Amino acid sequence: MPLRVHGHYSRAEIEAAYCFAEACGYGVLTTESPWNHREGVLAHQPSATDLLFITLRKSEALFSPSTRYRDLALGPALFHWESQSTTTAASPTGQRYIHHAERGSRVLLFVREQRKQDGRPGAPTEPFVCLG
């Protein structure tokens, strides 16, 4: 995929890298069938990769109480991430997250400090940093 660790990307650029990657045989989007996901996780089945979109500081103005998850770095190689409230540890999705390494799938973190640059509702959207 044409993404680099520590590179800054918009959600659309990340989705395009995974969903328009025709050369890799992963293309699922076409100009006739555009798609833009809104959730915090994009499960890309062709590459067995879960892409996690994480905003660290969630303002009350831009995030509902049910989506202000406690996500934070615990060290250089450990990140605490809360799944969506509808995902339980026993669900198929929860099991995919928990057992990703032994099942041969990958998890990639795309993190940004806040949703809007300068924290203002009318400001441009802040890009995500690919943390790998």
N, C-alpha and C. Protein backbone atom coordinates (compact mmCIF):
# COMPACT_ATOMS: atom_id res chain seq x y z
N MET A 1 0.84 -1.17 0.00
CA MET A 1 0.00 0.00 0.00
C MET A 1 0.89 1.25 0.00
N PRO A 2 0.45 2.29 -0.64
CA PRO A 2 1.28 3.50 -0.77
C PRO A 2 1.20 4.44 0.43
N LEU A 3 1.20 3.89 1.63
CA LEU A 3 1.18 4.70 2.85
C LEU A 3 2.46 4.46 3.62
N ARG A 4 2.93 5.48 4.30
CA ARG A 4 4.18 5.39 5.06
C ARG A 4 3.90 5.65 6.54
N VAL A 5 4.61 4.92 7.40
CA VAL A 5 4.52 5.16 8.83
C VAL A 5 4.98 6.59 9.10
N HIS A 6 4.25 7.27 9.92
CA HIS A 6 4.44 8.67 10.30
C HIS A 6 4.01 9.66 9.22
N GLY A 7 3.45 9.16 8.12
CA GLY A 7 2.90 10.05 7.11
C GLY A 7 1.56 10.60 7.58
N HIS A 8 1.20 11.78 7.10
CA HIS A 8 -0.07 12.43 7.44
C HIS A 8 -1.04 12.27 6.28
N TYR A 9 -2.25 11.76 6.58
CA TYR A 9 -3.21 11.46 5.52
C TYR A 9 -4.63 11.84 5.95
N SER A 10 -5.41 12.28 5.00
CA SER A 10 -6.84 12.46 5.25
C SER A 10 -7.49 11.08 5.22
N ARG A 11 -8.68 10.99 5.75
CA ARG A 11 -9.42 9.72 5.72
C ARG A 11 -9.63 9.27 4.27
N ALA A 12 -9.92 10.21 3.39
CA ALA A 12 -10.14 9.88 1.99
C ALA A 12 -8.88 9.30 1.34
N GLU A 13 -7.71 9.84 1.68
CA GLU A 13 -6.46 9.32 1.12
C GLU A 13 -6.19 7.90 1.62
N ILE A 14 -6.48 7.64 2.88
CA ILE A 14 -6.26 6.29 3.43
C ILE A 14 -7.21 5.30 2.78
N GLU A 15 -8.47 5.69 2.67
CA GLU A 15 -9.45 4.82 2.01
C GLU A 15 -9.08 4.56 0.56
N ALA A 16 -8.61 5.59 -0.11
CA ALA A 16 -8.21 5.43 -1.51
C ALA A 16 -7.05 4.47 -1.63
N ALA A 17 -6.11 4.53 -0.71
CA ALA A 17 -4.95 3.62 -0.76
C ALA A 17 -5.39 2.17 -0.64
N TYR A 18 -6.40 1.92 0.16
CA TYR A 18 -6.87 0.55 0.35
C TYR A 18 -7.95 0.14 -0.63
N CYS A 19 -8.80 1.05 -1.01
CA CYS A 19 -9.97 0.66 -1.78
C CYS A 19 -9.86 0.92 -3.27
N PHE A 20 -8.86 1.68 -3.69
CA PHE A 20 -8.63 1.90 -5.11
C PHE A 20 -7.36 1.22 -5.59
N ALA A 21 -6.80 0.36 -4.77
CA ALA A 21 -5.52 -0.26 -5.09
C ALA A 21 -5.71 -1.37 -6.13
N GLU A 22 -6.09 -0.99 -7.33
CA GLU A 22 -6.35 -1.96 -8.40
C GLU A 22 -5.13 -2.81 -8.71
N ALA A 23 -3.95 -2.19 -8.66
CA ALA A 23 -2.73 -2.93 -8.99
C ALA A 23 -2.49 -4.08 -8.01
N CYS A 24 -3.00 -3.92 -6.80
CA CYS A 24 -2.85 -4.97 -5.79
C CYS A 24 -4.00 -5.96 -5.84
N GLY A 25 -4.98 -5.70 -6.69
CA GLY A 25 -6.13 -6.58 -6.77
C GLY A 25 -7.12 -6.35 -5.64
N TYR A 26 -7.01 -5.22 -4.92
CA TYR A 26 -7.88 -4.97 -3.79
C TYR A 26 -8.98 -3.96 -4.10
N GLY A 27 -9.04 -3.45 -5.31
CA GLY A 27 -9.98 -2.37 -5.61
C GLY A 27 -11.42 -2.77 -5.37
N VAL A 28 -12.09 -2.01 -4.53
CA VAL A 28 -13.51 -2.27 -4.28
C VAL A 28 -14.35 -1.05 -4.62
N LEU A 29 -13.72 0.08 -4.92
CA LEU A 29 -14.44 1.29 -5.27
C LEU A 29 -14.28 1.57 -6.76
N THR A 30 -15.30 2.16 -7.32
CA THR A 30 -15.22 2.61 -8.69
C THR A 30 -15.85 4.00 -8.74
N THR A 31 -15.68 4.71 -9.84
CA THR A 31 -16.30 6.02 -9.95
C THR A 31 -17.82 5.89 -9.98
N GLU A 32 -18.33 4.75 -10.41
CA GLU A 32 -19.78 4.52 -10.41
C GLU A 32 -20.29 4.13 -9.02
N SER A 33 -19.40 3.63 -8.18
CA SER A 33 -19.79 3.17 -6.85
C SER A 33 -18.83 3.72 -5.80
N PRO A 34 -18.85 5.07 -5.59
CA PRO A 34 -17.95 5.64 -4.57
C PRO A 34 -18.42 5.27 -3.17
N TRP A 35 -17.52 5.27 -2.24
CA TRP A 35 -17.83 4.91 -0.86
C TRP A 35 -16.95 5.69 0.08
N ASN A 36 -17.53 6.16 1.14
CA ASN A 36 -16.78 6.88 2.16
C ASN A 36 -17.30 6.41 3.50
N HIS A 37 -16.54 5.62 4.21
CA HIS A 37 -17.03 5.08 5.48
C HIS A 37 -16.92 6.15 6.56
N ARG A 38 -17.74 6.06 7.58
CA ARG A 38 -17.79 7.07 8.63
C ARG A 38 -17.38 6.53 9.99
N GLU A 39 -17.35 5.25 10.18
CA GLU A 39 -17.03 4.67 11.47
C GLU A 39 -15.54 4.76 11.77
N GLY A 40 -15.17 4.40 12.99
CA GLY A 40 -13.79 4.47 13.42
C GLY A 40 -12.94 3.31 12.98
N VAL A 41 -13.55 2.30 12.34
CA VAL A 41 -12.80 1.13 11.88
C VAL A 41 -13.18 0.84 10.44
N LEU A 42 -12.17 0.57 9.63
CA LEU A 42 -12.41 0.07 8.28
C LEU A 42 -11.81 -1.33 8.23
N ALA A 43 -12.66 -2.33 8.12
CA ALA A 43 -12.20 -3.71 7.99
C ALA A 43 -12.00 -4.00 6.51
N HIS A 44 -10.74 -4.11 6.09
CA HIS A 44 -10.42 -4.35 4.69
C HIS A 44 -10.13 -5.84 4.53
N GLN A 45 -11.14 -6.59 4.12
CA GLN A 45 -11.04 -8.05 4.05
C GLN A 45 -10.01 -8.55 3.05
N PRO A 46 -9.87 -7.96 1.85
CA PRO A 46 -8.88 -8.50 0.91
C PRO A 46 -7.45 -8.54 1.44
N SER A 47 -7.10 -7.57 2.29
CA SER A 47 -5.74 -7.55 2.85
C SER A 47 -5.71 -8.03 4.30
N ALA A 48 -6.84 -8.49 4.83
CA ALA A 48 -6.95 -8.94 6.22
C ALA A 48 -6.38 -7.89 7.17
N THR A 49 -6.86 -6.64 7.00
CA THR A 49 -6.36 -5.53 7.79
C THR A 49 -7.52 -4.74 8.37
N ASP A 50 -7.43 -4.43 9.65
CA ASP A 50 -8.35 -3.50 10.29
C ASP A 50 -7.64 -2.17 10.43
N LEU A 51 -8.21 -1.12 9.86
CA LEU A 51 -7.66 0.22 9.97
C LEU A 51 -8.45 0.94 11.05
N LEU A 52 -7.77 1.36 12.12
CA LEU A 52 -8.43 2.04 13.23
C LEU A 52 -8.18 3.54 13.09
N PHE A 53 -9.25 4.32 13.01
CA PHE A 53 -9.17 5.78 12.92
C PHE A 53 -9.45 6.33 14.31
N ILE A 54 -8.44 6.96 14.91
CA ILE A 54 -8.50 7.35 16.31
C ILE A 54 -8.29 8.85 16.46
N THR A 55 -9.21 9.49 17.17
CA THR A 55 -9.07 10.89 17.56
C THR A 55 -8.86 10.91 19.06
N LEU A 56 -7.73 11.45 19.51
CA LEU A 56 -7.38 11.40 20.93
C LEU A 56 -8.21 12.35 21.78
N ARG A 57 -8.29 13.62 21.40
CA ARG A 57 -9.08 14.60 22.17
C ARG A 57 -10.42 14.77 21.48
N LYS A 58 -11.47 14.31 22.13
CA LYS A 58 -12.80 14.33 21.56
C LYS A 58 -13.63 15.42 22.23
N SER A 59 -13.94 16.46 21.49
CA SER A 59 -14.70 17.57 22.05
C SER A 59 -16.17 17.20 22.18
N GLU A 60 -16.83 17.82 23.15
CA GLU A 60 -18.26 17.59 23.33
C GLU A 60 -19.05 18.12 22.15
N ALA A 61 -18.52 19.15 21.47
CA ALA A 61 -19.22 19.74 20.33
C ALA A 61 -19.22 18.83 19.11
N LEU A 62 -18.18 18.01 18.97
CA LEU A 62 -18.04 17.20 17.75
C LEU A 62 -18.26 15.70 17.97
N PHE A 63 -18.29 15.24 19.23
CA PHE A 63 -18.47 13.82 19.52
C PHE A 63 -19.58 13.63 20.55
N SER A 64 -20.42 12.65 20.31
CA SER A 64 -21.48 12.34 21.28
C SER A 64 -20.88 11.60 22.47
N PRO A 65 -21.57 11.58 23.60
CA PRO A 65 -21.03 10.85 24.76
C PRO A 65 -20.74 9.37 24.46
N SER A 66 -21.51 8.76 23.56
CA SER A 66 -21.31 7.34 23.26
C SER A 66 -20.10 7.08 22.36
N THR A 67 -19.51 8.14 21.79
CA THR A 67 -18.35 7.94 20.91
C THR A 67 -17.09 8.62 21.44
N ARG A 68 -17.11 9.07 22.68
CA ARG A 68 -15.90 9.66 23.28
C ARG A 68 -15.13 8.56 24.01
N TYR A 69 -14.53 7.68 23.24
CA TYR A 69 -13.79 6.55 23.79
C TYR A 69 -12.49 7.01 24.43
N ARG A 70 -12.00 6.22 25.38
CA ARG A 70 -10.71 6.50 26.03
C ARG A 70 -9.62 5.77 25.25
N ASP A 71 -9.01 6.44 24.32
CA ASP A 71 -7.92 5.89 23.52
C ASP A 71 -6.65 6.64 23.88
N LEU A 72 -5.57 5.90 24.17
CA LEU A 72 -4.33 6.57 24.56
C LEU A 72 -3.14 5.64 24.42
N ALA A 73 -1.99 6.25 24.15
CA ALA A 73 -0.75 5.49 24.09
C ALA A 73 -0.31 5.14 25.51
N LEU A 74 0.08 3.88 25.72
CA LEU A 74 0.58 3.43 27.01
C LEU A 74 2.09 3.27 27.01
N GLY A 75 2.69 3.41 25.86
CA GLY A 75 4.14 3.29 25.70
C GLY A 75 4.46 3.30 24.22
N PRO A 76 5.72 3.13 23.86
CA PRO A 76 6.11 3.18 22.45
C PRO A 76 5.51 2.07 21.60
N ALA A 77 5.15 0.94 22.19
CA ALA A 77 4.64 -0.18 21.41
C ALA A 77 3.29 -0.69 21.92
N LEU A 78 2.61 0.09 22.78
CA LEU A 78 1.34 -0.36 23.35
C LEU A 78 0.34 0.78 23.33
N PHE A 79 -0.86 0.48 22.80
CA PHE A 79 -1.91 1.49 22.68
C PHE A 79 -3.19 0.95 23.26
N HIS A 80 -3.85 1.73 24.11
CA HIS A 80 -5.16 1.35 24.66
C HIS A 80 -6.22 1.91 23.73
N TRP A 81 -7.05 1.03 23.19
CA TRP A 81 -8.09 1.43 22.25
C TRP A 81 -9.41 0.81 22.69
N GLU A 82 -10.44 1.61 22.76
CA GLU A 82 -11.77 1.10 23.10
C GLU A 82 -12.55 0.89 21.81
N SER A 83 -13.10 -0.30 21.66
CA SER A 83 -13.89 -0.61 20.46
C SER A 83 -15.21 0.14 20.51
N GLN A 84 -15.91 0.11 19.41
CA GLN A 84 -17.23 0.73 19.34
C GLN A 84 -18.14 0.08 20.39
N SER A 85 -19.07 0.84 20.92
CA SER A 85 -19.90 0.35 22.03
C SER A 85 -20.74 -0.87 21.66
N THR A 86 -20.97 -1.10 20.39
CA THR A 86 -21.76 -2.26 19.96
C THR A 86 -20.92 -3.52 19.80
N THR A 87 -19.60 -3.41 19.93
CA THR A 87 -18.71 -4.56 19.77
C THR A 87 -18.34 -5.12 21.14
N THR A 88 -18.68 -6.39 21.36
CA THR A 88 -18.31 -7.04 22.62
C THR A 88 -17.10 -7.93 22.38
N ALA A 89 -16.43 -8.31 23.46
CA ALA A 89 -15.27 -9.20 23.35
C ALA A 89 -15.66 -10.54 22.76
N ALA A 90 -16.88 -11.00 22.99
CA ALA A 90 -17.32 -12.30 22.50
C ALA A 90 -17.85 -12.27 21.07
N SER A 91 -18.09 -11.09 20.51
CA SER A 91 -18.64 -10.99 19.16
C SER A 91 -17.59 -11.40 18.13
N PRO A 92 -18.01 -11.77 16.93
CA PRO A 92 -17.04 -12.09 15.88
C PRO A 92 -16.05 -10.96 15.63
N THR A 93 -16.51 -9.71 15.64
CA THR A 93 -15.61 -8.58 15.43
C THR A 93 -14.64 -8.46 16.60
N GLY A 94 -15.14 -8.58 17.82
CA GLY A 94 -14.27 -8.52 19.00
C GLY A 94 -13.23 -9.62 18.98
N GLN A 95 -13.63 -10.82 18.58
CA GLN A 95 -12.68 -11.93 18.49
C GLN A 95 -11.64 -11.69 17.40
N ARG A 96 -12.05 -11.04 16.31
CA ARG A 96 -11.09 -10.69 15.24
C ARG A 96 -10.04 -9.72 15.77
N TYR A 97 -10.46 -8.74 16.55
CA TYR A 97 -9.51 -7.79 17.14
C TYR A 97 -8.57 -8.48 18.12
N ILE A 98 -9.14 -9.28 19.01
CA ILE A 98 -8.36 -9.91 20.08
C ILE A 98 -7.34 -10.90 19.52
N HIS A 99 -7.74 -11.68 18.52
CA HIS A 99 -6.89 -12.76 18.01
C HIS A 99 -6.28 -12.45 16.64
N HIS A 100 -6.13 -11.17 16.32
CA HIS A 100 -5.66 -10.80 14.97
C HIS A 100 -4.31 -11.41 14.63
N ALA A 101 -3.37 -11.41 15.55
CA ALA A 101 -2.03 -11.90 15.24
C ALA A 101 -2.04 -13.40 14.93
N GLU A 102 -2.70 -14.17 15.75
CA GLU A 102 -2.73 -15.63 15.51
C GLU A 102 -3.57 -16.01 14.30
N ARG A 103 -4.46 -15.13 13.88
CA ARG A 103 -5.28 -15.39 12.69
C ARG A 103 -4.65 -14.82 11.42
N GLY A 104 -3.51 -14.17 11.57
CA GLY A 104 -2.79 -13.67 10.41
C GLY A 104 -3.31 -12.36 9.85
N SER A 105 -4.07 -11.62 10.64
CA SER A 105 -4.53 -10.32 10.16
C SER A 105 -3.73 -9.21 10.84
N ARG A 106 -3.87 -8.00 10.32
CA ARG A 106 -3.10 -6.87 10.82
C ARG A 106 -4.05 -5.79 11.34
N VAL A 107 -3.53 -4.96 12.22
CA VAL A 107 -4.24 -3.79 12.70
C VAL A 107 -3.32 -2.59 12.48
N LEU A 108 -3.83 -1.56 11.82
CA LEU A 108 -3.07 -0.34 11.59
C LEU A 108 -3.75 0.82 12.30
N LEU A 109 -2.96 1.62 13.00
CA LEU A 109 -3.48 2.78 13.71
C LEU A 109 -3.26 4.05 12.91
N PHE A 110 -4.33 4.81 12.75
CA PHE A 110 -4.28 6.14 12.14
C PHE A 110 -4.82 7.09 13.20
N VAL A 111 -3.93 7.94 13.73
CA VAL A 111 -4.25 8.74 14.92
C VAL A 111 -4.11 10.22 14.62
N ARG A 112 -5.01 10.99 15.21
CA ARG A 112 -4.89 12.45 15.17
C ARG A 112 -5.21 12.98 16.57
N GLU A 113 -4.70 14.15 16.86
CA GLU A 113 -4.91 14.75 18.18
C GLU A 113 -6.37 15.15 18.37
N GLN A 114 -6.94 15.86 17.39
CA GLN A 114 -8.32 16.32 17.48
C GLN A 114 -8.94 16.32 16.10
N ARG A 115 -10.25 16.37 16.03
CA ARG A 115 -10.92 16.28 14.75
C ARG A 115 -10.69 17.51 13.87
N LYS A 116 -10.75 18.67 14.46
CA LYS A 116 -10.58 19.90 13.70
C LYS A 116 -9.28 20.59 14.09
N GLN A 117 -8.57 21.13 13.11
CA GLN A 117 -7.36 21.88 13.39
C GLN A 117 -7.72 23.05 14.29
N ASP A 118 -6.90 23.32 15.26
CA ASP A 118 -7.12 24.39 16.24
C ASP A 118 -8.33 24.12 17.14
N GLY A 119 -8.98 22.96 17.01
CA GLY A 119 -10.10 22.61 17.86
C GLY A 119 -11.38 23.38 17.59
N ARG A 120 -11.40 24.19 16.54
CA ARG A 120 -12.59 25.00 16.23
C ARG A 120 -13.52 24.24 15.30
N PRO A 121 -14.84 24.23 15.58
CA PRO A 121 -15.79 23.51 14.71
C PRO A 121 -15.72 23.89 13.24
N GLY A 122 -15.44 25.15 12.88
CA GLY A 122 -15.38 25.55 11.48
C GLY A 122 -14.02 25.37 10.83
N ALA A 123 -13.03 24.93 11.59
CA ALA A 123 -11.66 24.78 11.09
C ALA A 123 -11.55 23.57 10.17
N PRO A 124 -10.49 23.51 9.35
CA PRO A 124 -10.27 22.32 8.50
C PRO A 124 -10.05 21.06 9.34
N THR A 125 -10.34 19.93 8.75
CA THR A 125 -10.16 18.65 9.42
C THR A 125 -8.68 18.34 9.56
N GLU A 126 -8.30 17.84 10.73
CA GLU A 126 -6.90 17.48 10.98
C GLU A 126 -6.62 16.11 10.35
N PRO A 127 -5.47 15.96 9.68
CA PRO A 127 -5.15 14.65 9.08
C PRO A 127 -4.76 13.64 10.16
N PHE A 128 -4.80 12.37 9.77
CA PHE A 128 -4.36 11.28 10.65
C PHE A 128 -2.88 11.00 10.41
N VAL A 129 -2.19 10.53 11.42
CA VAL A 129 -0.80 10.09 11.30
C VAL A 129 -0.82 8.56 11.30
N CYS A 130 -0.20 7.96 10.32
CA CYS A 130 -0.11 6.51 10.25
C CYS A 130 0.95 6.04 11.25
N LEU A 131 0.52 5.30 12.28
CA LEU A 131 1.45 4.81 13.29
C LEU A 131 1.83 3.34 13.08
N GLY A 132 1.26 2.74 12.07
CA GLY A 132 1.58 1.34 11.80
C GLY A 132 0.78 0.40 12.64
